[in-house]
Amino acid sequence: MTEQNRIAPRTCPVCAGELSLTRLSCDACHTELSGHFPSCEFCSLSMEDRDLLRVFLSSRGNMKELERHLGVSYPTARSRFDAVLTRLGLEAPAPANPARVELMEQVARGEMSVDDALSQLG
């Protein structure tokens, strides 16, 4: 794992309390600052999660663009985005009915017609 792929832990491995940032250093001049600094809530996300957020933000919240970038169906892209929101401690919308999501996935893959899916939904 390269240095830039490492993710700083957010919780203490001993007591599970929240870790705080207390030292910053400059690689160029070796200056060090000590104190109590707020941690970055995004820094503990995986590189994949950060990439997802980058694409979502650069497309100004266009979920279809996120879908294209990930190469997945809309429900899958939405599910991944909601999972990132949850990891950030933000409230994601209530999850859709899994059976309903599966029907939408089948329609998206061309395995089922829209009419068949609608008839199954009732």
PDB file of N, CA and C in Angstrom:
ATOM      1  N   MET A   1       0.855  -1.180   0.000  1.00  0.00           N
ATOM      2  CA  MET A   1       0.000   0.000   0.000  1.00  0.00           C
ATOM      3  C   MET A   1       0.892   1.230   0.000  1.00  0.00           C
ATOM      4  N   THR A   2       0.634   2.121  -0.942  1.00  0.00           N
ATOM      5  CA  THR A   2       1.434   3.338  -1.003  1.00  0.00           C
ATOM      6  C   THR A   2       1.004   4.296   0.090  1.00  0.00           C
ATOM      7  N   GLU A   3       1.884   5.240   0.375  1.00  0.00           N
ATOM      8  CA  GLU A   3       1.627   6.186   1.461  1.00  0.00           C
ATOM      9  C   GLU A   3       0.340   6.973   1.236  1.00  0.00           C
ATOM     10  N   GLN A   4       0.063   7.380  -0.014  1.00  0.00           N
ATOM     11  CA  GLN A   4      -1.131   8.176  -0.257  1.00  0.00           C
ATOM     12  C   GLN A   4      -2.407   7.337  -0.212  1.00  0.00           C
ATOM     13  N   ASN A   5      -2.302   6.013  -0.221  1.00  0.00           N
ATOM     14  CA  ASN A   5      -3.479   5.155  -0.110  1.00  0.00           C
ATOM     15  C   ASN A   5      -3.801   4.785   1.332  1.00  0.00           C
ATOM     16  N   ARG A   6      -2.929   5.140   2.256  1.00  0.00           N
ATOM     17  CA  ARG A   6      -3.199   4.835   3.657  1.00  0.00           C
ATOM     18  C   ARG A   6      -4.299   5.737   4.177  1.00  0.00           C
ATOM     19  N   ILE A   7      -5.096   5.186   5.055  1.00  0.00           N
ATOM     20  CA  ILE A   7      -6.202   5.941   5.633  1.00  0.00           C
ATOM     21  C   ILE A   7      -5.982   6.050   7.127  1.00  0.00           C
ATOM     22  N   ALA A   8      -6.027   7.268   7.633  1.00  0.00           N
ATOM     23  CA  ALA A   8      -5.846   7.493   9.063  1.00  0.00           C
ATOM     24  C   ALA A   8      -7.040   6.927   9.824  1.00  0.00           C
ATOM     25  N   PRO A   9      -6.785   6.230  10.911  1.00  0.00           N
ATOM     26  CA  PRO A   9      -7.908   5.715  11.703  1.00  0.00           C
ATOM     27  C   PRO A   9      -8.644   6.853  12.392  1.00  0.00           C
ATOM     28  N   ARG A  10      -9.923   6.672  12.617  1.00  0.00           N
ATOM     29  CA  ARG A  10     -10.725   7.698  13.288  1.00  0.00           C
ATOM     30  C   ARG A  10     -11.027   7.336  14.724  1.00  0.00           C
ATOM     31  N   THR A  11     -10.854   6.063  15.057  1.00  0.00           N
ATOM     32  CA  THR A  11     -11.147   5.631  16.427  1.00  0.00           C
ATOM     33  C   THR A  11      -9.919   4.993  17.059  1.00  0.00           C
ATOM     34  N   CYS A  12      -9.830   5.121  18.374  1.00  0.00           N
ATOM     35  CA  CYS A  12      -8.716   4.576  19.137  1.00  0.00           C
ATOM     36  C   CYS A  12      -8.779   3.052  19.146  1.00  0.00           C
ATOM     37  N   PRO A  13      -7.669   2.376  18.844  1.00  0.00           N
ATOM     38  CA  PRO A  13      -7.672   0.915  18.855  1.00  0.00           C
ATOM     39  C   PRO A  13      -7.756   0.336  20.266  1.00  0.00           C
ATOM     40  N   VAL A  14      -7.547   1.167  21.279  1.00  0.00           N
ATOM     41  CA  VAL A  14      -7.586   0.685  22.662  1.00  0.00           C
ATOM     42  C   VAL A  14      -8.989   0.828  23.259  1.00  0.00           C
ATOM     43  N   CYS A  15      -9.558   2.046  23.164  1.00  0.00           N
ATOM     44  CA  CYS A  15     -10.846   2.285  23.834  1.00  0.00           C
ATOM     45  C   CYS A  15     -11.992   2.610  22.887  1.00  0.00           C
ATOM     46  N   ALA A  16     -11.725   2.698  21.593  1.00  0.00           N
ATOM     47  CA  ALA A  16     -12.720   3.020  20.560  1.00  0.00           C
ATOM     48  C   ALA A  16     -13.195   4.474  20.623  1.00  0.00           C
ATOM     49  N   GLY A  17     -12.502   5.315  21.393  1.00  0.00           N
ATOM     50  CA  GLY A  17     -12.825   6.739  21.418  1.00  0.00           C
ATOM     51  C   GLY A  17     -12.373   7.404  20.131  1.00  0.00           C
ATOM     52  N   GLU A  18     -12.870   8.611  19.885  1.00  0.00           N
ATOM     53  CA  GLU A  18     -12.504   9.335  18.670  1.00  0.00           C
ATOM     54  C   GLU A  18     -11.081   9.884  18.793  1.00  0.00           C
ATOM     55  N   LEU A  19     -10.252   9.626  17.780  1.00  0.00           N
ATOM     56  CA  LEU A  19      -8.889  10.144  17.754  1.00  0.00           C
ATOM     57  C   LEU A  19      -8.906  11.603  17.310  1.00  0.00           C
ATOM     58  N   SER A  20      -7.966  12.389  17.845  1.00  0.00           N
ATOM     59  CA  SER A  20      -7.859  13.783  17.419  1.00  0.00           C
ATOM     60  C   SER A  20      -6.486  14.019  16.808  1.00  0.00           C
ATOM     61  N   LEU A  21      -6.437  14.971  15.925  1.00  0.00           N
ATOM     62  CA  LEU A  21      -5.205  15.341  15.246  1.00  0.00           C
ATOM     63  C   LEU A  21      -4.445  16.308  16.147  1.00  0.00           C
ATOM     64  N   THR A  22      -3.195  15.975  16.486  1.00  0.00           N
ATOM     65  CA  THR A  22      -2.445  16.819  17.417  1.00  0.00           C
ATOM     66  C   THR A  22      -1.120  17.322  16.875  1.00  0.00           C
ATOM     67  N   ARG A  23      -0.669  16.818  15.722  1.00  0.00           N
ATOM     68  CA  ARG A  23       0.613  17.282  15.188  1.00  0.00           C
ATOM     69  C   ARG A  23       0.549  17.349  13.670  1.00  0.00           C
ATOM     70  N   LEU A  24       1.065  18.458  13.135  1.00  0.00           N
ATOM     71  CA  LEU A  24       1.189  18.648  11.694  1.00  0.00           C
ATOM     72  C   LEU A  24       2.646  18.948  11.398  1.00  0.00           C
ATOM     73  N   SER A  25       3.129  18.464  10.260  1.00  0.00           N
ATOM     74  CA  SER A  25       4.525  18.737   9.908  1.00  0.00           C
ATOM     75  C   SER A  25       4.645  19.060   8.421  1.00  0.00           C
ATOM     76  N   CYS A  26       5.667  19.843   8.095  1.00  0.00           N
ATOM     77  CA  CYS A  26       5.939  20.241   6.720  1.00  0.00           C
ATOM     78  C   CYS A  26       7.114  19.415   6.205  1.00  0.00           C
ATOM     79  N   ASP A  27       6.900  18.680   5.126  1.00  0.00           N
ATOM     80  CA  ASP A  27       7.976  17.885   4.543  1.00  0.00           C
ATOM     81  C   ASP A  27       9.073  18.755   3.945  1.00  0.00           C
ATOM     82  N   ALA A  28       8.734  19.961   3.491  1.00  0.00           N
ATOM     83  CA  ALA A  28       9.703  20.836   2.837  1.00  0.00           C
ATOM     84  C   ALA A  28      10.705  21.437   3.819  1.00  0.00           C
ATOM     85  N   CYS A  29      10.215  22.013   4.922  1.00  0.00           N
ATOM     86  CA  CYS A  29      11.135  22.706   5.838  1.00  0.00           C
ATOM     87  C   CYS A  29      11.206  22.064   7.225  1.00  0.00           C
ATOM     88  N   HIS A  30      10.462  20.986   7.410  1.00  0.00           N
ATOM     89  CA  HIS A  30      10.465  20.211   8.661  1.00  0.00           C
ATOM     90  C   HIS A  30       9.893  20.959   9.863  1.00  0.00           C
ATOM     91  N   THR A  31       9.107  21.989   9.609  1.00  0.00           N
ATOM     92  CA  THR A  31       8.419  22.681  10.695  1.00  0.00           C
ATOM     93  C   THR A  31       7.345  21.756  11.247  1.00  0.00           C
ATOM     94  N   GLU A  32       7.173  21.767  12.564  1.00  0.00           N
ATOM     95  CA  GLU A  32       6.124  20.973  13.192  1.00  0.00           C
ATOM     96  C   GLU A  32       5.231  21.870  14.032  1.00  0.00           C
ATOM     97  N   LEU A  33       3.944  21.619  13.950  1.00  0.00           N
ATOM     98  CA  LEU A  33       2.970  22.338  14.753  1.00  0.00           C
ATOM     99  C   LEU A  33       2.270  21.329  15.656  1.00  0.00           C
ATOM    100  N   SER A  34       2.152  21.654  16.918  1.00  0.00           N
ATOM    101  CA  SER A  34       1.428  20.799  17.853  1.00  0.00           C
ATOM    102  C   SER A  34       0.222  21.560  18.368  1.00  0.00           C
ATOM    103  N   GLY A  35      -0.841  20.865  18.593  1.00  0.00           N
ATOM    104  CA  GLY A  35      -2.057  21.471  19.098  1.00  0.00           C
ATOM    105  C   GLY A  35      -3.198  20.498  18.940  1.00  0.00           C
ATOM    106  N   HIS A  36      -4.406  20.993  19.008  1.00  0.00           N
ATOM    107  CA  HIS A  36      -5.589  20.159  18.829  1.00  0.00           C
ATOM    108  C   HIS A  36      -6.328  20.677  17.601  1.00  0.00           C
ATOM    109  N   PHE A  37      -6.287  19.897  16.514  1.00  0.00           N
ATOM    110  CA  PHE A  37      -6.859  20.306  15.253  1.00  0.00           C
ATOM    111  C   PHE A  37      -8.045  19.411  14.916  1.00  0.00           C
ATOM    112  N   PRO A  38      -9.087  19.979  14.318  1.00  0.00           N
ATOM    113  CA  PRO A  38     -10.226  19.133  13.938  1.00  0.00           C
ATOM    114  C   PRO A  38      -9.796  18.144  12.866  1.00  0.00           C
ATOM    115  N   SER A  39     -10.330  16.925  12.945  1.00  0.00           N
ATOM    116  CA  SER A  39      -9.980  15.922  11.940  1.00  0.00           C
ATOM    117  C   SER A  39     -10.862  16.093  10.709  1.00  0.00           C
ATOM    118  N   CYS A  40     -10.417  15.556   9.633  1.00  0.00           N
ATOM    119  CA  CYS A  40     -11.131  15.626   8.359  1.00  0.00           C
ATOM    120  C   CYS A  40     -12.055  14.415   8.253  1.00  0.00           C
ATOM    121  N   GLU A  41     -13.339  14.657   8.145  1.00  0.00           N
ATOM    122  CA  GLU A  41     -14.281  13.543   8.080  1.00  0.00           C
ATOM    123  C   GLU A  41     -14.139  12.752   6.780  1.00  0.00           C
ATOM    124  N   PHE A  42     -13.612  13.362   5.734  1.00  0.00           N
ATOM    125  CA  PHE A  42     -13.463  12.677   4.455  1.00  0.00           C
ATOM    126  C   PHE A  42     -12.174  11.860   4.379  1.00  0.00           C
ATOM    127  N   CYS A  43     -11.210  12.182   5.229  1.00  0.00           N
ATOM    128  CA  CYS A  43      -9.907  11.530   5.157  1.00  0.00           C
ATOM    129  C   CYS A  43      -9.949  10.045   5.503  1.00  0.00           C
ATOM    130  N   SER A  44     -10.935   9.620   6.249  1.00  0.00           N
ATOM    131  CA  SER A  44     -11.001   8.209   6.615  1.00  0.00           C
ATOM    132  C   SER A  44     -11.735   7.373   5.565  1.00  0.00           C
ATOM    133  N   LEU A  45     -12.258   8.023   4.533  1.00  0.00           N
ATOM    134  CA  LEU A  45     -12.921   7.279   3.456  1.00  0.00           C
ATOM    135  C   LEU A  45     -11.872   6.578   2.591  1.00  0.00           C
ATOM    136  N   SER A  46     -12.259   5.479   1.991  1.00  0.00           N
ATOM    137  CA  SER A  46     -11.353   4.777   1.079  1.00  0.00           C
ATOM    138  C   SER A  46     -11.150   5.627  -0.168  1.00  0.00           C
ATOM    139  N   MET A  47     -10.116   5.325  -0.920  1.00  0.00           N
ATOM    140  CA  MET A  47      -9.852   6.047  -2.165  1.00  0.00           C
ATOM    141  C   MET A  47     -11.039   5.885  -3.123  1.00  0.00           C
ATOM    142  N   GLU A  48     -11.643   4.717  -3.136  1.00  0.00           N
ATOM    143  CA  GLU A  48     -12.807   4.458  -3.992  1.00  0.00           C
ATOM    144  C   GLU A  48     -13.976   5.371  -3.606  1.00  0.00           C
ATOM    145  N   ASP A  49     -14.204   5.520  -2.307  1.00  0.00           N
ATOM    146  CA  ASP A  49     -15.277   6.397  -1.834  1.00  0.00           C
ATOM    147  C   ASP A  49     -14.988   7.856  -2.177  1.00  0.00           C
ATOM    148  N   ARG A  50     -13.731   8.272  -2.021  1.00  0.00           N
ATOM    149  CA  ARG A  50     -13.370   9.658  -2.351  1.00  0.00           C
ATOM    150  C   ARG A  50     -13.527   9.912  -3.846  1.00  0.00           C
ATOM    151  N   ASP A  51     -13.179   8.925  -4.665  1.00  0.00           N
ATOM    152  CA  ASP A  51     -13.336   9.050  -6.114  1.00  0.00           C
ATOM    153  C   ASP A  51     -14.817   9.195  -6.457  1.00  0.00           C
ATOM    154  N   LEU A  52     -15.660   8.417  -5.813  1.00  0.00           N
ATOM    155  CA  LEU A  52     -17.091   8.506  -6.031  1.00  0.00           C
ATOM    156  C   LEU A  52     -17.592   9.917  -5.707  1.00  0.00           C
ATOM    157  N   LEU A  53     -17.157  10.462  -4.577  1.00  0.00           N
ATOM    158  CA  LEU A  53     -17.560  11.826  -4.205  1.00  0.00           C
ATOM    159  C   LEU A  53     -17.037  12.864  -5.188  1.00  0.00           C
ATOM    160  N   ARG A  54     -15.784  12.688  -5.658  1.00  0.00           N
ATOM    161  CA  ARG A  54     -15.205  13.613  -6.632  1.00  0.00           C
ATOM    162  C   ARG A  54     -16.043  13.666  -7.908  1.00  0.00           C
ATOM    163  N   VAL A  55     -16.414  12.485  -8.402  1.00  0.00           N
ATOM    164  CA  VAL A  55     -17.215  12.423  -9.631  1.00  0.00           C
ATOM    165  C   VAL A  55     -18.587  13.049  -9.395  1.00  0.00           C
ATOM    166  N   PHE A  56     -19.198  12.727  -8.264  1.00  0.00           N
ATOM    167  CA  PHE A  56     -20.522  13.266  -7.951  1.00  0.00           C
ATOM    168  C   PHE A  56     -20.481  14.793  -7.862  1.00  0.00           C
ATOM    169  N   LEU A  57     -19.470  15.320  -7.176  1.00  0.00           N
ATOM    170  CA  LEU A  57     -19.363  16.772  -7.025  1.00  0.00           C
ATOM    171  C   LEU A  57     -19.007  17.454  -8.343  1.00  0.00           C
ATOM    172  N   SER A  58     -18.076  16.878  -9.104  1.00  0.00           N
ATOM    173  CA  SER A  58     -17.675  17.513 -10.370  1.00  0.00           C
ATOM    174  C   SER A  58     -18.803  17.493 -11.397  1.00  0.00           C
ATOM    175  N   SER A  59     -19.731  16.548 -11.254  1.00  0.00           N
ATOM    176  CA  SER A  59     -20.882  16.519 -12.168  1.00  0.00           C
ATOM    177  C   SER A  59     -22.071  17.278 -11.578  1.00  0.00           C
ATOM    178  N   ARG A  60     -21.797  18.042 -10.517  1.00  0.00           N
ATOM    179  CA  ARG A  60     -22.817  18.863  -9.847  1.00  0.00           C
ATOM    180  C   ARG A  60     -24.002  18.035  -9.367  1.00  0.00           C
ATOM    181  N   GLY A  61     -23.697  16.858  -8.824  1.00  0.00           N
ATOM    182  CA  GLY A  61     -24.737  16.017  -8.237  1.00  0.00           C
ATOM    183  C   GLY A  61     -25.546  15.214  -9.232  1.00  0.00           C
ATOM    184  N   ASN A  62     -25.012  15.028 -10.420  1.00  0.00           N
ATOM    185  CA  ASN A  62     -25.734  14.281 -11.443  1.00  0.00           C
ATOM    186  C   ASN A  62     -25.521  12.777 -11.211  1.00  0.00           C
ATOM    187  N   MET A  63     -26.554  12.113 -10.720  1.00  0.00           N
ATOM    188  CA  MET A  63     -26.447  10.686 -10.404  1.00  0.00           C
ATOM    189  C   MET A  63     -26.258   9.848 -11.671  1.00  0.00           C
ATOM    190  N   LYS A  64     -26.794  10.297 -12.797  1.00  0.00           N
ATOM    191  CA  LYS A  64     -26.603   9.568 -14.062  1.00  0.00           C
ATOM    192  C   LYS A  64     -25.123   9.571 -14.463  1.00  0.00           C
ATOM    193  N   GLU A  65     -24.433  10.690 -14.220  1.00  0.00           N
ATOM    194  CA  GLU A  65     -23.000  10.765 -14.523  1.00  0.00           C
ATOM    195  C   GLU A  65     -22.232   9.807 -13.610  1.00  0.00           C
ATOM    196  N   LEU A  66     -22.630   9.721 -12.359  1.00  0.00           N
ATOM    197  CA  LEU A  66     -21.999   8.785 -11.430  1.00  0.00           C
ATOM    198  C   LEU A  66     -22.228   7.353 -11.901  1.00  0.00           C
ATOM    199  N   GLU A  67     -23.424   7.074 -12.356  1.00  0.00           N
ATOM    200  CA  GLU A  67     -23.767   5.757 -12.896  1.00  0.00           C
ATOM    201  C   GLU A  67     -22.838   5.397 -14.057  1.00  0.00           C
ATOM    202  N   ARG A  68     -22.646   6.356 -14.983  1.00  0.00           N
ATOM    203  CA  ARG A  68     -21.759   6.103 -16.139  1.00  0.00           C
ATOM    204  C   ARG A  68     -20.316   5.884 -15.697  1.00  0.00           C
ATOM    205  N   HIS A  69     -19.845   6.707 -14.753  1.00  0.00           N
ATOM    206  CA  HIS A  69     -18.470   6.593 -14.276  1.00  0.00           C
ATOM    207  C   HIS A  69     -18.212   5.229 -13.631  1.00  0.00           C
ATOM    208  N   LEU A  70     -19.156   4.777 -12.825  1.00  0.00           N
ATOM    209  CA  LEU A  70     -18.988   3.495 -12.130  1.00  0.00           C
ATOM    210  C   LEU A  70     -19.255   2.302 -13.045  1.00  0.00           C
ATOM    211  N   GLY A  71     -19.950   2.538 -14.149  1.00  0.00           N
ATOM    212  CA  GLY A  71     -20.285   1.442 -15.058  1.00  0.00           C
ATOM    213  C   GLY A  71     -21.313   0.504 -14.469  1.00  0.00           C
ATOM    214  N   VAL A  72     -22.251   1.064 -13.698  1.00  0.00           N
ATOM    215  CA  VAL A  72     -23.288   0.258 -13.052  1.00  0.00           C
ATOM    216  C   VAL A  72     -24.649   0.882 -13.331  1.00  0.00           C
ATOM    217  N   SER A  73     -25.692   0.186 -12.927  1.00  0.00           N
ATOM    218  CA  SER A  73     -27.041   0.712 -13.100  1.00  0.00           C
ATOM    219  C   SER A  73     -27.309   1.828 -12.092  1.00  0.00           C
ATOM    220  N   TYR A  74     -28.364   2.583 -12.363  1.00  0.00           N
ATOM    221  CA  TYR A  74     -28.733   3.696 -11.480  1.00  0.00           C
ATOM    222  C   TYR A  74     -28.960   3.229 -10.033  1.00  0.00           C
ATOM    223  N   PRO A  75     -29.740   2.160  -9.795  1.00  0.00           N
ATOM    224  CA  PRO A  75     -29.957   1.741  -8.405  1.00  0.00           C
ATOM    225  C   PRO A  75     -28.662   1.364  -7.682  1.00  0.00           C
ATOM    226  N   THR A  76     -27.723   0.756  -8.406  1.00  0.00           N
ATOM    227  CA  THR A  76     -26.441   0.383  -7.791  1.00  0.00           C
ATOM    228  C   THR A  76     -25.628   1.630  -7.465  1.00  0.00           C
ATOM    229  N   ALA A  77     -25.590   2.593  -8.383  1.00  0.00           N
ATOM    230  CA  ALA A  77     -24.870   3.852  -8.139  1.00  0.00           C
ATOM    231  C   ALA A  77     -25.474   4.555  -6.933  1.00  0.00           C
ATOM    232  N   ARG A  78     -26.787   4.598  -6.875  1.00  0.00           N
ATOM    233  CA  ARG A  78     -27.488   5.252  -5.759  1.00  0.00           C
ATOM    234  C   ARG A  78     -27.162   4.549  -4.443  1.00  0.00           C
ATOM    235  N   SER A  79     -27.130   3.235  -4.468  1.00  0.00           N
ATOM    236  CA  SER A  79     -26.824   2.453  -3.275  1.00  0.00           C
ATOM    237  C   SER A  79     -25.402   2.728  -2.788  1.00  0.00           C
ATOM    238  N   ARG A  80     -24.456   2.795  -3.713  1.00  0.00           N
ATOM    239  CA  ARG A  80     -23.070   3.088  -3.332  1.00  0.00           C
ATOM    240  C   ARG A  80     -22.937   4.492  -2.759  1.00  0.00           C
ATOM    241  N   PHE A  81     -23.640   5.443  -3.361  1.00  0.00           N
ATOM    242  CA  PHE A  81     -23.603   6.819  -2.865  1.00  0.00           C
ATOM    243  C   PHE A  81     -24.206   6.885  -1.458  1.00  0.00           C
ATOM    244  N   ASP A  82     -25.329   6.212  -1.260  1.00  0.00           N
ATOM    245  CA  ASP A  82     -25.962   6.194   0.061  1.00  0.00           C
ATOM    246  C   ASP A  82     -25.043   5.560   1.108  1.00  0.00           C
ATOM    247  N   ALA A  83     -24.283   4.532   0.711  1.00  0.00           N
ATOM    248  CA  ALA A  83     -23.349   3.884   1.635  1.00  0.00           C
ATOM    249  C   ALA A  83     -22.247   4.857   2.064  1.00  0.00           C
ATOM    250  N   VAL A  84     -21.772   5.690   1.127  1.00  0.00           N
ATOM    251  CA  VAL A  84     -20.756   6.693   1.470  1.00  0.00           C
ATOM    252  C   VAL A  84     -21.347   7.713   2.442  1.00  0.00           C
ATOM    253  N   LEU A  85     -22.574   8.142   2.198  1.00  0.00           N
ATOM    254  CA  LEU A  85     -23.235   9.067   3.112  1.00  0.00           C
ATOM    255  C   LEU A  85     -23.304   8.467   4.518  1.00  0.00           C
ATOM    256  N   THR A  86     -23.643   7.205   4.593  1.00  0.00           N
ATOM    257  CA  THR A  86     -23.732   6.528   5.889  1.00  0.00           C
ATOM    258  C   THR A  86     -22.371   6.489   6.567  1.00  0.00           C
ATOM    259  N   ARG A  87     -21.312   6.180   5.806  1.00  0.00           N
ATOM    260  CA  ARG A  87     -19.961   6.147   6.389  1.00  0.00           C
ATOM    261  C   ARG A  87     -19.535   7.524   6.901  1.00  0.00           C
ATOM    262  N   LEU A  88     -20.060   8.568   6.289  1.00  0.00           N
ATOM    263  CA  LEU A  88     -19.753   9.929   6.733  1.00  0.00           C
ATOM    264  C   LEU A  88     -20.637  10.352   7.910  1.00  0.00           C
ATOM    265  N   GLY A  89     -21.559   9.485   8.286  1.00  0.00           N
ATOM    266  CA  GLY A  89     -22.448   9.806   9.395  1.00  0.00           C
ATOM    267  C   GLY A  89     -23.590  10.712   8.980  1.00  0.00           C
ATOM    268  N   LEU A  90     -23.837  10.797   7.685  1.00  0.00           N
ATOM    269  CA  LEU A  90     -24.943  11.598   7.168  1.00  0.00           C
ATOM    270  C   LEU A  90     -26.127  10.684   6.913  1.00  0.00           C
ATOM    271  N   GLU A  91     -27.296  11.212   7.069  1.00  0.00           N
ATOM    272  CA  GLU A  91     -28.485  10.384   6.901  1.00  0.00           C
ATOM    273  C   GLU A  91     -28.772  10.188   5.428  1.00  0.00           C
ATOM    274  N   ALA A  92     -28.760   8.947   5.021  1.00  0.00           N
ATOM    275  CA  ALA A  92     -29.119   8.610   3.648  1.00  0.00           C
ATOM    276  C   ALA A  92     -30.623   8.374   3.613  1.00  0.00           C
ATOM    277  N   PRO A  93     -31.239   8.545   2.456  1.00  0.00           N
ATOM    278  CA  PRO A  93     -32.667   8.253   2.364  1.00  0.00           C
ATOM    279  C   PRO A  93     -32.937   6.804   2.750  1.00  0.00           C
ATOM    280  N   ALA A  94     -34.132   6.541   3.200  1.00  0.00           N
ATOM    281  CA  ALA A  94     -34.503   5.175   3.576  1.00  0.00           C
ATOM    282  C   ALA A  94     -34.265   4.249   2.388  1.00  0.00           C
ATOM    283  N   PRO A  95     -33.666   3.078   2.650  1.00  0.00           N
ATOM    284  CA  PRO A  95     -33.381   2.167   1.540  1.00  0.00           C
ATOM    285  C   PRO A  95     -34.660   1.692   0.858  1.00  0.00           C
ATOM    286  N   ALA A  96     -34.546   1.513  -0.436  1.00  0.00           N
ATOM    287  CA  ALA A  96     -35.685   1.027  -1.209  1.00  0.00           C
ATOM    288  C   ALA A  96     -35.927  -0.445  -0.890  1.00  0.00           C
ATOM    289  N   ASN A  97     -37.101  -0.880  -1.182  1.00  0.00           N
ATOM    290  CA  ASN A  97     -37.455  -2.285  -1.016  1.00  0.00           C
ATOM    291  C   ASN A  97     -36.510  -3.130  -1.881  1.00  0.00           C
ATOM    292  N   PRO A  98     -35.796  -4.110  -1.292  1.00  0.00           N
ATOM    293  CA  PRO A  98     -34.817  -4.901  -2.068  1.00  0.00           C
ATOM    294  C   PRO A  98     -35.426  -5.597  -3.278  1.00  0.00           C
ATOM    295  N   ALA A  99     -36.662  -6.084  -3.149  1.00  0.00           N
ATOM    296  CA  ALA A  99     -37.301  -6.757  -4.285  1.00  0.00           C
ATOM    297  C   ALA A  99     -37.538  -5.763  -5.412  1.00  0.00           C
ATOM    298  N   ARG A 100     -37.911  -4.556  -5.049  1.00  0.00           N
ATOM    299  CA  ARG A 100     -38.145  -3.498  -6.033  1.00  0.00           C
ATOM    300  C   ARG A 100     -36.849  -3.108  -6.738  1.00  0.00           C
ATOM    301  N   VAL A 101     -35.771  -2.997  -5.963  1.00  0.00           N
ATOM    302  CA  VAL A 101     -34.461  -2.670  -6.537  1.00  0.00           C
ATOM    303  C   VAL A 101     -34.032  -3.762  -7.509  1.00  0.00           C
ATOM    304  N   GLU A 102     -34.252  -5.020  -7.148  1.00  0.00           N
ATOM    305  CA  GLU A 102     -33.868  -6.134  -8.029  1.00  0.00           C
ATOM    306  C   GLU A 102     -34.653  -6.066  -9.337  1.00  0.00           C
ATOM    307  N   LEU A 103     -35.926  -5.732  -9.257  1.00  0.00           N
ATOM    308  CA  LEU A 103     -36.718  -5.587 -10.484  1.00  0.00           C
ATOM    309  C   LEU A 103     -36.151  -4.471 -11.364  1.00  0.00           C
ATOM    310  N   MET A 104     -35.789  -3.349 -10.760  1.00  0.00           N
ATOM    311  CA  MET A 104     -35.214  -2.240 -11.535  1.00  0.00           C
ATOM    312  C   MET A 104     -33.886  -2.657 -12.156  1.00  0.00           C
ATOM    313  N   GLU A 105     -33.095  -3.436 -11.400  1.00  0.00           N
ATOM    314  CA  GLU A 105     -31.816  -3.928 -11.933  1.00  0.00           C
ATOM    315  C   GLU A 105     -32.065  -4.824 -13.157  1.00  0.00           C
ATOM    316  N   GLN A 106     -33.069  -5.698 -13.069  1.00  0.00           N
ATOM    317  CA  GLN A 106     -33.366  -6.598 -14.181  1.00  0.00           C
ATOM    318  C   GLN A 106     -33.817  -5.814 -15.410  1.00  0.00           C
ATOM    319  N   VAL A 107     -34.613  -4.777 -15.202  1.00  0.00           N
ATOM    320  CA  VAL A 107     -35.034  -3.937 -16.327  1.00  0.00           C
ATOM    321  C   VAL A 107     -33.820  -3.226 -16.927  1.00  0.00           C
ATOM    322  N   ALA A 108     -32.940  -2.710 -16.054  1.00  0.00           N
ATOM    323  CA  ALA A 108     -31.754  -1.993 -16.529  1.00  0.00           C
ATOM    324  C   ALA A 108     -30.837  -2.909 -17.338  1.00  0.00           C
ATOM    325  N   ARG A 109     -30.767  -4.194 -16.949  1.00  0.00           N
ATOM    326  CA  ARG A 109     -29.916  -5.151 -17.677  1.00  0.00           C
ATOM    327  C   ARG A 109     -30.603  -5.719 -18.912  1.00  0.00           C
ATOM    328  N   GLY A 110     -31.872  -5.354 -19.125  1.00  0.00           N
ATOM    329  CA  GLY A 110     -32.605  -5.867 -20.281  1.00  0.00           C
ATOM    330  C   GLY A 110     -33.130  -7.268 -20.083  1.00  0.00           C
ATOM    331  N   GLU A 111     -33.154  -7.751 -18.854  1.00  0.00           N
ATOM    332  CA  GLU A 111     -33.628  -9.102 -18.560  1.00  0.00           C
ATOM    333  C   GLU A 111     -35.136  -9.150 -18.375  1.00  0.00           C
ATOM    334  N   MET A 112     -35.756  -7.981 -18.255  1.00  0.00           N
ATOM    335  CA  MET A 112     -37.191  -7.918 -18.019  1.00  0.00           C
ATOM    336  C   MET A 112     -37.718  -6.639 -18.658  1.00  0.00           C
ATOM    337  N   SER A 113     -38.935  -6.707 -19.171  1.00  0.00           N
ATOM    338  CA  SER A 113     -39.538  -5.498 -19.750  1.00  0.00           C
ATOM    339  C   SER A 113     -40.109  -4.629 -18.646  1.00  0.00           C
ATOM    340  N   VAL A 114     -40.292  -3.366 -18.954  1.00  0.00           N
ATOM    341  CA  VAL A 114     -40.879  -2.434 -18.002  1.00  0.00           C
ATOM    342  C   VAL A 114     -42.285  -2.888 -17.632  1.00  0.00           C
ATOM    343  N   ASP A 115     -43.049  -3.333 -18.622  1.00  0.00           N
ATOM    344  CA  ASP A 115     -44.413  -3.789 -18.356  1.00  0.00           C
ATOM    345  C   ASP A 115     -44.450  -4.976 -17.411  1.00  0.00           C
ATOM    346  N   ASP A 116     -43.528  -5.932 -17.600  1.00  0.00           N
ATOM    347  CA  ASP A 116     -43.473  -7.089 -16.700  1.00  0.00           C
ATOM    348  C   ASP A 116     -43.123  -6.665 -15.278  1.00  0.00           C
ATOM    349  N   ALA A 117     -42.178  -5.721 -15.166  1.00  0.00           N
ATOM    350  CA  ALA A 117     -41.787  -5.242 -13.841  1.00  0.00           C
ATOM    351  C   ALA A 117     -42.948  -4.531 -13.165  1.00  0.00           C
ATOM    352  N   LEU A 118     -43.669  -3.703 -13.924  1.00  0.00           N
ATOM    353  CA  LEU A 118     -44.809  -2.987 -13.355  1.00  0.00           C
ATOM    354  C   LEU A 118     -45.892  -3.951 -12.902  1.00  0.00           C
ATOM    355  N   SER A 119     -46.129  -5.014 -13.666  1.00  0.00           N
ATOM    356  CA  SER A 119     -47.157  -5.977 -13.268  1.00  0.00           C
ATOM    357  C   SER A 119     -46.750  -6.729 -11.990  1.00  0.00           C
ATOM    358  N   GLN A 120     -45.445  -6.975 -11.820  1.00  0.00           N
ATOM    359  CA  GLN A 120     -44.977  -7.644 -10.600  1.00  0.00           C
ATOM    360  C   GLN A 120     -45.067  -6.723  -9.377  1.00  0.00           C
ATOM    361  N   LEU A 121     -44.918  -5.420  -9.619  1.00  0.00           N
ATOM    362  CA  LEU A 121     -45.015  -4.466  -8.512  1.00  0.00           C
ATOM    363  C   LEU A 121     -46.454  -4.291  -8.055  1.00  0.00           C
ATOM    364  N   GLY A 122     -47.390  -4.643  -8.948  1.00  0.00           N
ATOM    365  CA  GLY A 122     -48.809  -4.557  -8.570  1.00  0.00           C
ATOM    366  C   GLY A 122     -49.368  -3.256  -8.844  1.00  0.00           C
TER     367      GLY A 122
END
